[in-house]
Amino acid sequence: MIRQSTRLLALACVVLSALFVATVAGVLSWLAEASAPQALLCAGGTFAGWSVLCASLISAFGLLES
């Protein structure tokens, strides 16, 4: 049985890593001469994709089970 604090820590790691990866993707997109809205859209898509990927991985490892 996984403790509630472990689940919260895993989800916090997902969100923080997604924010980091999305920030890097947005900055790189902006430096590649994309407009600010295009860079923001790229960062948002990266955040969503990374979050889903990480959440599915920790779910596969059983960290989100009750």
N, C-alpha and C. Protein backbone atom coordinates (compact mmCIF):
# COMPACT_ATOMS: atom_id res chain seq x y z
N MET A 1 0.84 -1.18 0.00
CA MET A 1 0.00 0.00 0.00
C MET A 1 0.89 1.25 0.00
N ILE A 2 0.58 2.14 -0.91
CA ILE A 2 1.35 3.37 -1.06
C ILE A 2 0.75 4.45 -0.17
N ARG A 3 1.61 5.13 0.59
CA ARG A 3 1.13 6.19 1.48
C ARG A 3 0.71 7.41 0.68
N GLN A 4 -0.18 8.19 1.26
CA GLN A 4 -0.69 9.40 0.61
C GLN A 4 0.44 10.40 0.35
N SER A 5 1.37 10.52 1.27
CA SER A 5 2.47 11.47 1.11
C SER A 5 3.37 11.08 -0.08
N THR A 6 3.51 9.79 -0.31
CA THR A 6 4.31 9.33 -1.46
C THR A 6 3.63 9.70 -2.77
N ARG A 7 2.31 9.54 -2.82
CA ARG A 7 1.57 9.93 -4.02
C ARG A 7 1.68 11.42 -4.29
N LEU A 8 1.53 12.21 -3.23
CA LEU A 8 1.63 13.67 -3.39
C LEU A 8 3.02 14.09 -3.83
N LEU A 9 4.03 13.45 -3.29
CA LEU A 9 5.40 13.75 -3.70
C LEU A 9 5.64 13.39 -5.16
N ALA A 10 5.11 12.25 -5.60
CA ALA A 10 5.26 11.84 -6.99
C ALA A 10 4.56 12.82 -7.92
N LEU A 11 3.36 13.26 -7.56
CA LEU A 11 2.64 14.22 -8.40
C LEU A 11 3.31 15.59 -8.39
N ALA A 12 3.89 15.98 -7.27
CA ALA A 12 4.63 17.24 -7.21
C ALA A 12 5.86 17.19 -8.11
N CYS A 13 6.53 16.04 -8.14
CA CYS A 13 7.68 15.87 -9.04
C CYS A 13 7.26 15.95 -10.50
N VAL A 14 6.09 15.39 -10.81
CA VAL A 14 5.57 15.46 -12.18
C VAL A 14 5.34 16.91 -12.57
N VAL A 15 4.67 17.66 -11.72
CA VAL A 15 4.36 19.05 -12.04
C VAL A 15 5.62 19.90 -12.15
N LEU A 16 6.55 19.75 -11.22
CA LEU A 16 7.78 20.55 -11.26
C LEU A 16 8.64 20.21 -12.47
N SER A 17 8.75 18.94 -12.79
CA SER A 17 9.54 18.58 -13.97
C SER A 17 8.86 19.05 -15.24
N ALA A 18 7.53 19.00 -15.28
CA ALA A 18 6.80 19.49 -16.45
C ALA A 18 6.97 20.99 -16.62
N LEU A 19 6.97 21.73 -15.51
CA LEU A 19 7.21 23.17 -15.59
C LEU A 19 8.60 23.47 -16.12
N PHE A 20 9.58 22.73 -15.66
CA PHE A 20 10.95 22.94 -16.13
C PHE A 20 11.08 22.64 -17.62
N VAL A 21 10.57 21.50 -18.04
CA VAL A 21 10.68 21.11 -19.45
C VAL A 21 9.90 22.07 -20.34
N ALA A 22 8.72 22.50 -19.89
CA ALA A 22 7.92 23.44 -20.67
C ALA A 22 8.61 24.80 -20.78
N THR A 23 9.26 25.24 -19.71
CA THR A 23 9.98 26.51 -19.77
C THR A 23 11.13 26.44 -20.77
N VAL A 24 11.86 25.36 -20.73
CA VAL A 24 12.97 25.19 -21.69
C VAL A 24 12.43 25.15 -23.12
N ALA A 25 11.34 24.43 -23.34
CA ALA A 25 10.77 24.34 -24.69
C ALA A 25 10.27 25.70 -25.17
N GLY A 26 9.63 26.45 -24.28
CA GLY A 26 9.14 27.78 -24.66
C GLY A 26 10.28 28.74 -24.98
N VAL A 27 11.33 28.72 -24.16
CA VAL A 27 12.47 29.61 -24.40
C VAL A 27 13.18 29.24 -25.69
N LEU A 28 13.38 27.96 -25.92
CA LEU A 28 14.03 27.54 -27.17
C LEU A 28 13.20 27.88 -28.38
N SER A 29 11.89 27.75 -28.26
CA SER A 29 11.01 28.12 -29.36
C SER A 29 11.07 29.62 -29.61
N TRP A 30 11.09 30.41 -28.55
CA TRP A 30 11.15 31.85 -28.69
C TRP A 30 12.48 32.30 -29.28
N LEU A 31 13.58 31.62 -28.88
CA LEU A 31 14.89 31.96 -29.43
C LEU A 31 15.02 31.54 -30.90
N ALA A 32 14.17 30.63 -31.34
CA ALA A 32 14.19 30.20 -32.73
C ALA A 32 13.29 31.09 -33.59
N GLU A 33 13.11 32.33 -33.13
CA GLU A 33 12.37 33.35 -33.88
C GLU A 33 10.87 33.10 -33.95
N ALA A 34 10.31 32.37 -33.02
CA ALA A 34 8.85 32.23 -32.95
C ALA A 34 8.30 33.43 -32.18
N SER A 35 7.05 33.78 -32.47
CA SER A 35 6.44 34.88 -31.72
C SER A 35 6.13 34.42 -30.30
N ALA A 36 5.83 35.37 -29.44
CA ALA A 36 5.55 35.03 -28.04
C ALA A 36 4.34 34.10 -27.91
N PRO A 37 3.23 34.34 -28.63
CA PRO A 37 2.11 33.39 -28.52
C PRO A 37 2.45 31.99 -29.02
N GLN A 38 3.25 31.91 -30.07
CA GLN A 38 3.65 30.59 -30.57
C GLN A 38 4.55 29.88 -29.56
N ALA A 39 5.45 30.61 -28.93
CA ALA A 39 6.33 30.01 -27.91
C ALA A 39 5.52 29.55 -26.71
N LEU A 40 4.51 30.35 -26.32
CA LEU A 40 3.66 29.97 -25.20
C LEU A 40 2.83 28.74 -25.53
N LEU A 41 2.35 28.65 -26.75
CA LEU A 41 1.59 27.48 -27.19
C LEU A 41 2.48 26.24 -27.21
N CYS A 42 3.70 26.40 -27.64
CA CYS A 42 4.66 25.29 -27.62
C CYS A 42 4.93 24.83 -26.19
N ALA A 43 5.12 25.78 -25.30
CA ALA A 43 5.37 25.44 -23.90
C ALA A 43 4.16 24.75 -23.28
N GLY A 44 2.96 25.21 -23.59
CA GLY A 44 1.75 24.58 -23.05
C GLY A 44 1.58 23.15 -23.55
N GLY A 45 1.85 22.94 -24.81
CA GLY A 45 1.76 21.59 -25.36
C GLY A 45 2.80 20.66 -24.76
N THR A 46 3.99 21.20 -24.53
CA THR A 46 5.04 20.42 -23.91
C THR A 46 4.69 20.07 -22.47
N PHE A 47 4.11 21.03 -21.75
CA PHE A 47 3.69 20.78 -20.36
C PHE A 47 2.65 19.67 -20.32
N ALA A 48 1.66 19.74 -21.20
CA ALA A 48 0.61 18.72 -21.20
C ALA A 48 1.17 17.35 -21.56
N GLY A 49 1.98 17.30 -22.59
CA GLY A 49 2.55 16.03 -23.02
C GLY A 49 3.45 15.41 -21.97
N TRP A 50 4.31 16.22 -21.36
CA TRP A 50 5.23 15.71 -20.34
C TRP A 50 4.46 15.24 -19.11
N SER A 51 3.41 15.99 -18.74
CA SER A 51 2.61 15.61 -17.57
C SER A 51 1.93 14.27 -17.79
N VAL A 52 1.35 14.08 -18.97
CA VAL A 52 0.68 12.81 -19.27
C VAL A 52 1.68 11.67 -19.29
N LEU A 53 2.84 11.90 -19.89
CA LEU A 53 3.87 10.86 -19.96
C LEU A 53 4.34 10.46 -18.56
N CYS A 54 4.67 11.45 -17.74
CA CYS A 54 5.16 11.14 -16.39
C CYS A 54 4.07 10.51 -15.52
N ALA A 55 2.84 11.01 -15.62
CA ALA A 55 1.76 10.45 -14.82
C ALA A 55 1.47 9.00 -15.22
N SER A 56 1.57 8.72 -16.50
CA SER A 56 1.34 7.33 -16.92
C SER A 56 2.48 6.43 -16.47
N LEU A 57 3.70 6.95 -16.43
CA LEU A 57 4.83 6.15 -15.96
C LEU A 57 4.73 5.85 -14.47
N ILE A 58 4.39 6.86 -13.66
CA ILE A 58 4.30 6.58 -12.23
C ILE A 58 3.07 5.73 -11.92
N SER A 59 2.07 5.83 -12.76
CA SER A 59 0.91 4.95 -12.59
C SER A 59 1.28 3.51 -12.95
N ALA A 60 2.09 3.34 -13.97
CA ALA A 60 2.54 2.01 -14.36
C ALA A 60 3.40 1.38 -13.28
N PHE A 61 4.16 2.18 -12.56
CA PHE A 61 4.98 1.68 -11.46
C PHE A 61 4.16 1.45 -10.20
N GLY A 62 2.90 1.84 -10.22
CA GLY A 62 2.02 1.58 -9.09
C GLY A 62 2.03 2.63 -8.00
N LEU A 63 2.57 3.81 -8.28
CA LEU A 63 2.64 4.84 -7.25
C LEU A 63 1.32 5.59 -7.06
N LEU A 64 0.39 5.44 -7.98
CA LEU A 64 -0.88 6.16 -7.86
C LEU A 64 -2.03 5.26 -7.41
N GLU A 65 -1.73 4.01 -7.12
CA GLU A 65 -2.78 3.09 -6.69
C GLU A 65 -3.16 3.35 -5.24
N SER A 66 -4.36 2.97 -4.90
CA SER A 66 -4.82 3.13 -3.52
C SER A 66 -4.36 1.98 -2.66
